[in-house]
Protein backbone atom coordinates (compact mmCIF):
# COMPACT_ATOMS: atom_id res chain seq x y z
CA MET A 1 -18.89 27.95 22.40
CA ALA A 2 -18.46 31.37 24.06
CA GLN A 3 -17.80 34.28 21.66
CA PHE A 4 -14.42 35.12 21.12
CA GLU A 5 -13.52 38.79 22.26
CA MET A 6 -12.09 41.28 19.71
CA GLY A 7 -8.68 42.56 20.33
CA ARG A 8 -7.11 45.98 18.74
CA ARG A 9 -7.46 45.51 15.12
CA THR A 10 -4.65 46.06 12.55
CA LEU A 11 -6.51 47.30 9.47
CA LEU A 12 -5.22 46.19 6.23
CA GLY A 13 -5.84 47.55 2.67
CA THR A 14 -6.49 43.76 1.60
CA ALA A 15 -10.42 43.31 2.08
CA GLY A 16 -11.58 44.10 -1.58
CA LEU A 17 -12.00 41.83 -4.21
CA GLY A 18 -8.43 40.87 -4.61
CA LEU A 19 -7.90 39.13 -1.64
CA LEU A 20 -4.88 36.71 -1.02
CA ALA A 21 -3.42 37.75 -4.44
CA ALA A 22 0.39 39.16 -4.29
CA PRO A 23 0.72 42.12 -6.75
CA VAL A 24 3.00 41.59 -9.79
CA ILE A 25 4.84 44.11 -11.72
CA LEU A 26 6.04 43.28 -15.10
CA SER A 27 6.83 45.33 -18.16
CA GLY A 28 7.59 44.86 -22.04
CA ALA A 29 7.74 41.05 -23.36
CA ALA A 30 7.28 39.57 -19.99
CA LEU A 31 3.97 41.71 -19.50
CA ALA A 32 2.70 40.49 -22.83
CA GLN A 33 3.62 36.80 -22.03
CA ALA A 34 1.92 37.16 -18.45
CA GLN A 35 -1.22 38.61 -20.04
CA THR A 36 -1.56 35.82 -22.93
CA SER A 37 -0.75 33.14 -20.13
CA SER A 38 -3.35 34.68 -18.10
CA LYS A 39 -5.97 34.77 -20.81
CA THR A 40 -5.05 31.20 -21.96
CA ASP A 41 -5.35 29.90 -18.59
CA SER A 42 -8.78 31.65 -18.18
CA ASN A 43 -10.20 30.50 -21.37
CA MET A 44 -9.09 26.59 -20.41
CA ALA A 45 -11.04 27.46 -17.03
CA ALA A 46 -14.28 28.74 -18.52
CA ASN A 47 -14.21 25.49 -20.93
CA THR A 48 -13.64 23.01 -18.17
CA PRO A 49 -16.42 21.93 -16.07
CA PRO A 50 -16.14 23.12 -12.49
CA ASP A 51 -15.16 20.80 -9.57
CA ILE A 52 -17.82 19.79 -7.35
CA HIS A 53 -17.77 17.28 -4.50
CA GLN A 54 -20.90 15.70 -2.67
CA PHE A 55 -21.38 13.82 0.54
CA LYS A 56 -23.88 13.25 3.41
CA VAL A 57 -23.64 14.63 7.02
CA GLY A 58 -26.68 12.66 8.43
CA ASP A 59 -29.66 13.51 6.45
CA PHE A 60 -28.09 16.56 4.83
CA GLN A 61 -26.69 16.52 1.31
CA VAL A 62 -23.33 18.79 1.36
CA THR A 63 -22.03 20.19 -2.13
CA VAL A 64 -18.78 21.65 -2.24
CA ILE A 65 -18.01 23.83 -4.99
CA LYS A 66 -14.99 24.89 -6.55
CA ASP A 67 -14.98 28.93 -7.13
CA GLY A 68 -11.79 28.68 -9.00
CA ALA A 69 -8.00 28.47 -7.75
CA ARG A 70 -4.96 30.57 -8.73
CA PRO A 71 -1.40 31.05 -7.91
CA SER A 72 -1.13 33.43 -5.36
CA GLY A 73 2.57 34.49 -4.68
CA LYS A 74 5.39 33.58 -2.28
CA PRO A 75 3.80 31.97 0.84
CA ASN A 76 6.23 33.39 3.40
CA GLU A 77 4.57 36.96 2.03
CA ILE A 78 1.23 36.03 3.04
CA PHE A 79 1.99 33.27 6.15
CA GLY A 80 4.36 33.60 8.92
CA THR A 81 4.85 37.28 8.44
CA ASN A 82 6.45 37.26 11.65
CA GLN A 83 8.94 34.40 10.78
CA SER A 84 11.88 34.54 8.61
CA PRO A 85 11.41 33.38 4.80
CA GLU A 86 13.80 30.58 5.36
CA THR A 87 11.80 29.32 8.47
CA VAL A 88 8.69 29.07 6.36
CA ALA A 89 10.63 27.34 3.29
CA GLN A 90 11.71 24.73 5.65
CA LEU A 91 8.24 23.90 6.88
CA LEU A 92 7.22 23.86 3.17
CA ASP A 93 9.84 22.11 2.17
CA LYS A 94 9.17 19.03 4.86
CA ASN A 95 5.86 19.06 3.47
CA PHE A 96 6.68 18.56 0.01
CA LEU A 97 5.37 22.23 -0.96
CA PRO A 98 7.33 24.50 -3.20
CA SER A 99 8.66 27.73 -1.33
CA ASP A 100 8.31 30.18 -4.04
CA GLN A 101 4.75 30.02 -5.11
CA PHE A 102 1.08 28.47 -3.57
CA VAL A 103 -2.03 27.79 -5.23
CA ASN A 104 -5.17 29.50 -3.16
CA GLY A 105 -8.58 27.55 -3.73
CA PHE A 106 -12.03 29.28 -3.00
CA SER A 107 -14.86 26.86 -1.85
CA PRO A 108 -18.57 27.98 -1.28
CA VAL A 109 -20.87 25.25 0.07
CA LEU A 110 -24.26 24.21 -0.41
CA ILE A 111 -26.10 22.21 2.31
CA LYS A 112 -29.57 20.68 1.55
CA ALA A 113 -31.29 20.53 4.73
CA GLY A 114 -34.69 19.25 4.46
CA SER A 115 -36.80 22.06 2.45
CA GLU A 116 -33.85 24.43 2.60
CA LEU A 117 -31.14 25.10 0.40
CA VAL A 118 -28.15 27.00 2.32
CA LEU A 119 -25.56 28.37 0.36
CA PHE A 120 -22.34 29.50 2.69
CA ASP A 121 -20.46 32.40 0.82
CA THR A 122 -20.58 33.14 -2.95
CA GLY A 123 -16.98 33.25 -4.30
CA PHE A 124 -15.78 36.06 -6.35
CA GLY A 125 -18.69 36.23 -9.01
CA GLU A 126 -18.77 38.02 -12.26
CA SER A 127 -15.84 40.02 -11.39
CA GLY A 128 -13.71 36.91 -11.10
CA ARG A 129 -14.80 35.08 -14.24
CA GLY A 130 -11.99 36.77 -16.48
CA GLN A 131 -9.50 35.38 -14.11
CA GLY A 132 -10.75 31.75 -13.90
CA THR A 133 -12.74 32.05 -10.72
CA GLY A 134 -16.37 33.16 -10.25
CA ARG A 135 -17.61 29.75 -11.16
CA LEU A 136 -19.87 28.99 -8.45
CA LEU A 137 -23.42 29.40 -10.69
CA ASP A 138 -21.70 26.90 -13.08
CA GLY A 139 -20.72 24.70 -10.29
CA MET A 140 -24.25 24.89 -8.93
CA LYS A 141 -25.81 24.03 -12.57
CA LEU A 142 -23.69 20.77 -12.86
CA ALA A 143 -24.98 19.76 -9.40
CA GLY A 144 -28.41 20.18 -10.31
CA TYR A 145 -29.38 23.54 -8.80
CA ARG A 146 -30.49 26.86 -9.87
CA PRO A 147 -29.92 30.12 -8.09
CA GLU A 148 -33.39 30.41 -7.62
CA ASP A 149 -33.30 27.17 -5.49
CA VAL A 150 -31.38 28.72 -2.78
CA THR A 151 -33.39 29.61 0.20
CA VAL A 152 -30.48 30.65 2.53
CA VAL A 153 -27.09 32.43 1.82
CA VAL A 154 -24.89 32.73 4.90
CA LEU A 155 -21.98 34.97 4.72
CA THR A 156 -19.26 34.07 7.06
CA HIS A 157 -17.59 37.36 6.83
CA MET A 158 -17.31 40.07 4.29
CA HIS A 159 -14.06 39.92 2.61
CA GLY A 160 -14.30 40.04 -1.35
CA ASP A 161 -13.91 36.52 -2.22
CA HIS A 162 -16.72 35.48 -0.04
CA ILE A 163 -19.40 38.18 -1.22
CA GLY A 164 -18.25 38.81 -4.72
CA GLY A 165 -21.17 36.47 -5.94
CA LEU A 166 -24.10 38.08 -4.25
CA MET A 167 -25.10 40.07 -7.26
CA ASP A 168 -24.99 39.39 -10.50
CA GLY A 169 -25.64 41.55 -13.55
CA GLY A 170 -26.60 44.35 -10.98
CA LYS A 171 -29.47 42.03 -9.60
CA PRO A 172 -29.33 39.72 -6.72
CA ALA A 173 -27.89 36.54 -7.95
CA PHE A 174 -30.14 34.26 -5.47
CA PRO A 175 -33.35 36.30 -6.21
CA ASN A 176 -35.43 33.83 -3.59
CA ALA A 177 -33.00 33.78 -0.77
CA ARG A 178 -33.04 35.30 2.70
CA TYR A 179 -29.49 36.09 4.04
CA VAL A 180 -27.62 35.57 7.24
CA ALA A 181 -24.80 37.61 8.52
CA GLY A 182 -22.74 38.47 11.54
CA GLN A 183 -23.95 41.50 13.13
CA VAL A 184 -20.28 42.66 14.34
CA GLU A 185 -18.89 42.20 10.89
CA TYR A 186 -21.71 44.00 8.97
CA ASP A 187 -21.56 46.94 11.37
CA PHE A 188 -17.75 47.34 11.05
CA TRP A 189 -17.97 47.36 7.54
CA THR A 190 -20.72 49.75 6.75
CA ASN A 191 -19.60 52.19 9.47
CA PRO A 192 -18.64 55.38 7.64
CA ALA A 193 -15.79 55.67 9.95
CA ARG A 194 -14.04 53.06 7.33
CA ALA A 195 -13.96 55.54 4.64
CA GLY A 196 -10.37 57.07 4.23
CA THR A 197 -8.81 54.11 6.08
CA PRO A 198 -6.79 51.01 4.81
CA ALA A 199 -10.07 49.30 4.80
CA GLU A 200 -11.75 51.43 2.55
CA GLY A 201 -11.49 49.16 -0.11
CA GLY A 202 -13.28 46.26 1.51
CA GLN A 203 -15.92 48.96 2.81
CA LYS A 204 -16.87 49.92 -0.82
CA ALA A 205 -17.26 45.90 -2.05
CA VAL A 206 -19.59 45.65 1.00
CA LEU A 207 -21.45 48.80 0.30
CA ALA A 208 -21.90 47.22 -3.48
CA ASN A 209 -23.05 43.93 -2.66
CA VAL A 210 -24.12 43.26 0.65
CA LYS A 211 -25.61 46.61 1.84
CA PRO A 212 -28.32 46.49 -1.16
CA LEU A 213 -29.80 43.45 0.28
CA ALA A 214 -29.89 44.80 3.75
CA GLU A 215 -33.53 44.39 4.24
CA LYS A 216 -33.65 40.59 3.76
CA ILE A 217 -30.58 40.05 6.09
CA SER A 218 -30.73 38.51 9.45
CA PHE A 219 -28.12 39.88 11.50
CA VAL A 220 -26.65 37.36 13.93
CA GLY A 221 -24.09 36.62 16.69
CA ASP A 222 -22.69 33.54 18.45
CA GLY A 223 -25.26 30.80 19.12
CA ALA A 224 -27.89 31.62 16.56
CA SER A 225 -29.68 29.05 14.40
CA VAL A 226 -29.78 29.41 10.58
CA VAL A 227 -31.65 26.46 9.86
CA SER A 228 -32.63 23.33 12.14
CA GLY A 229 -29.18 21.65 12.42
CA ILE A 230 -26.86 24.55 11.65
CA THR A 231 -25.81 27.00 14.49
CA GLY A 232 -23.34 30.13 14.19
CA MET A 233 -20.19 30.19 16.34
CA ALA A 234 -18.23 33.50 16.72
CA ALA A 235 -14.63 33.07 15.62
CA PHE A 236 -13.34 36.67 15.30
CA GLY A 237 -9.94 38.00 14.37
CA HIS A 238 -9.63 37.03 10.70
CA SER A 239 -12.00 39.61 10.36
CA PRO A 240 -13.87 41.93 13.05
CA GLY A 241 -16.89 39.58 13.03
CA HIS A 242 -15.89 36.41 11.38
CA MET A 243 -18.42 33.32 12.01
CA ILE A 244 -18.13 29.67 11.53
CA TYR A 245 -21.17 27.10 11.67
CA ASN A 246 -21.58 24.04 13.44
CA VAL A 247 -23.83 21.66 11.08
CA GLU A 248 -25.44 18.66 12.85
CA SER A 249 -27.76 15.85 11.53
CA ALA A 250 -28.46 12.28 12.20
CA GLY A 251 -25.58 11.93 14.88
CA ARG A 252 -23.09 13.10 12.28
CA ARG A 253 -21.20 16.55 12.47
CA LEU A 254 -19.11 19.28 10.34
CA ILE A 255 -17.83 22.48 11.19
CA LEU A 256 -17.67 25.14 8.18
CA THR A 257 -14.46 26.87 9.40
CA ALA A 258 -14.41 29.71 6.73
CA ASP A 259 -11.11 31.58 6.89
CA THR A 260 -10.06 30.36 10.65
CA ALA A 261 -7.37 28.91 8.59
CA ASN A 262 -6.18 29.63 5.16
CA HIS A 263 -3.58 27.27 4.53
CA TYR A 264 -3.55 23.41 5.42
CA VAL A 265 0.21 23.42 6.50
CA LEU A 266 1.19 26.92 7.53
CA SER A 267 -2.01 28.00 9.25
CA LEU A 268 -2.42 24.67 10.98
CA GLN A 269 0.90 23.24 11.80
CA ARG A 270 1.73 26.73 13.11
CA PRO A 271 -1.34 28.26 14.13
CA ASP A 272 0.85 31.05 16.00
CA TRP A 273 2.05 32.28 12.66
CA GLU A 274 0.78 35.70 11.57
CA VAL A 275 -1.29 35.86 8.59
CA ARG A 276 -1.13 38.89 6.47
CA PHE A 277 -4.83 39.08 5.86
CA ASP A 278 -5.69 38.34 9.35
CA MET A 279 -7.05 41.92 10.64
CA ASP A 280 -6.30 41.26 13.98
CA LYS A 281 -3.47 38.77 14.03
CA ALA A 282 -3.39 37.88 17.56
CA GLN A 283 -7.02 37.41 17.93
CA ALA A 284 -6.93 35.31 14.89
CA ALA A 285 -4.17 32.97 16.22
CA ALA A 286 -6.55 32.53 19.44
CA THR A 287 -8.92 31.87 17.72
CA ARG A 288 -7.47 29.28 15.45
CA LYS A 289 -5.92 27.35 18.47
CA LYS A 290 -9.47 27.40 20.09
CA VAL A 291 -11.48 26.32 17.00
CA PHE A 292 -9.02 23.62 16.01
CA ASP A 293 -8.43 22.37 19.58
CA MET A 294 -11.94 21.69 19.66
CA ILE A 295 -11.94 20.04 16.10
CA ALA A 296 -9.13 18.06 17.13
CA ALA A 297 -10.28 16.72 20.43
CA ASP A 298 -14.04 16.21 19.37
CA LYS A 299 -12.32 14.39 16.03
CA VAL A 300 -15.18 16.24 14.18
CA ALA A 301 -14.69 17.14 10.43
CA PHE A 302 -14.33 20.36 9.22
CA LEU A 303 -14.65 21.92 5.77
CA GLY A 304 -12.41 25.46 5.20
CA TYR A 305 -12.99 27.80 2.46
CA HIS A 306 -9.29 27.83 1.47
CA MET A 307 -8.20 24.19 2.14
CA PRO A 308 -7.17 21.92 -0.79
CA PHE A 309 -10.37 20.67 -2.62
CA PRO A 310 -12.69 19.42 -1.64
CA SER A 311 -11.68 21.24 1.04
CA VAL A 312 -13.05 18.70 4.01
CA GLY A 313 -10.81 16.93 6.40
CA TYR A 314 -10.23 16.30 9.87
CA ALA A 315 -7.24 17.80 12.48
CA GLU A 316 -4.99 15.80 14.40
CA LYS A 317 -3.13 17.50 17.16
CA GLN A 318 0.51 17.81 17.04
CA ASP A 319 3.07 19.45 19.51
CA THR A 320 3.01 22.77 17.51
CA GLY A 321 -0.14 22.50 16.18
CA TYR A 322 -2.53 20.33 13.77
CA ARG A 323 -2.03 17.98 11.03
CA PHE A 324 -4.50 18.08 8.25
CA VAL A 325 -6.23 14.57 7.66
CA PRO A 326 -8.16 15.02 3.92
CA LYS A 327 -11.61 13.32 4.00
CA SER A 328 -11.36 10.13 2.26
CA TYR A 329 -14.56 7.74 2.49
CA GLN A 330 -15.94 8.56 6.00
CA PHE A 331 -19.24 10.04 4.99
CA ASP A 332 -20.04 7.35 2.19
CA ILE A 333 -20.38 4.27 4.16
């Protein structure tokens, strides 16, 4: 697959650890009620086993872990920002979804490939645990894995909800792992030119969580092999060096699309619609169409980081985009 070229970037001050959450301003009794509700929800989440889902892709064992989920504000303020609120609401209503709020989920993935245990993205980590996210390590334990078992950590890109779990208690959360990250992505976020720009918050997160591991990172580009059967594919736009990964084993295939599409209706049925957190909106839209045209034409399964848990499905081509078809038992027989 040819590398997607980067266009002119529109930088947003949204690449830190609070990605995809709309700010809420409350006061007095409303604030107290919101704080109590948030604390109760977080406590409930902490006392409930995290969701995990396992299936096979050929000889590979795939484990999807729900790092958490949360209400994330009005959909039209994030998706279809170049459309009227009414247009966005109509599409949501057509798909049996509310127009005043949506739930955003976060799904890191483990793949057992022979002797390798490969983790794709790390969730929010300890910074999210007070808000009901940061549940990756709990999910790994439930699946029978320890942090020490991870041999490779792959970062699809360096937004906060993907890199927050790299460090835990000031130390690497996966002490025996080597790391794989996109060269373009790393170079962008560690460039001193980000200081004093709207991207500075994201840069601080990268400097705190990623740069301390630099000596153990293999910086890759389009077509790079992670382990046998797993290959990187450049898919720029959502972030400057956003990467996706092709997984193949014993004649079966899965594409890890990361944040190429962040909503199973708004991003897939209308891939041209602008997304607030896509840093280069035009390039992100072009990438969405290129990637999902391939997925639909090849009838290959994909796993999207923000798709409805367990985050796996297919894309059927439609006039204006694609219809998300959730996984059922295709990998079980």
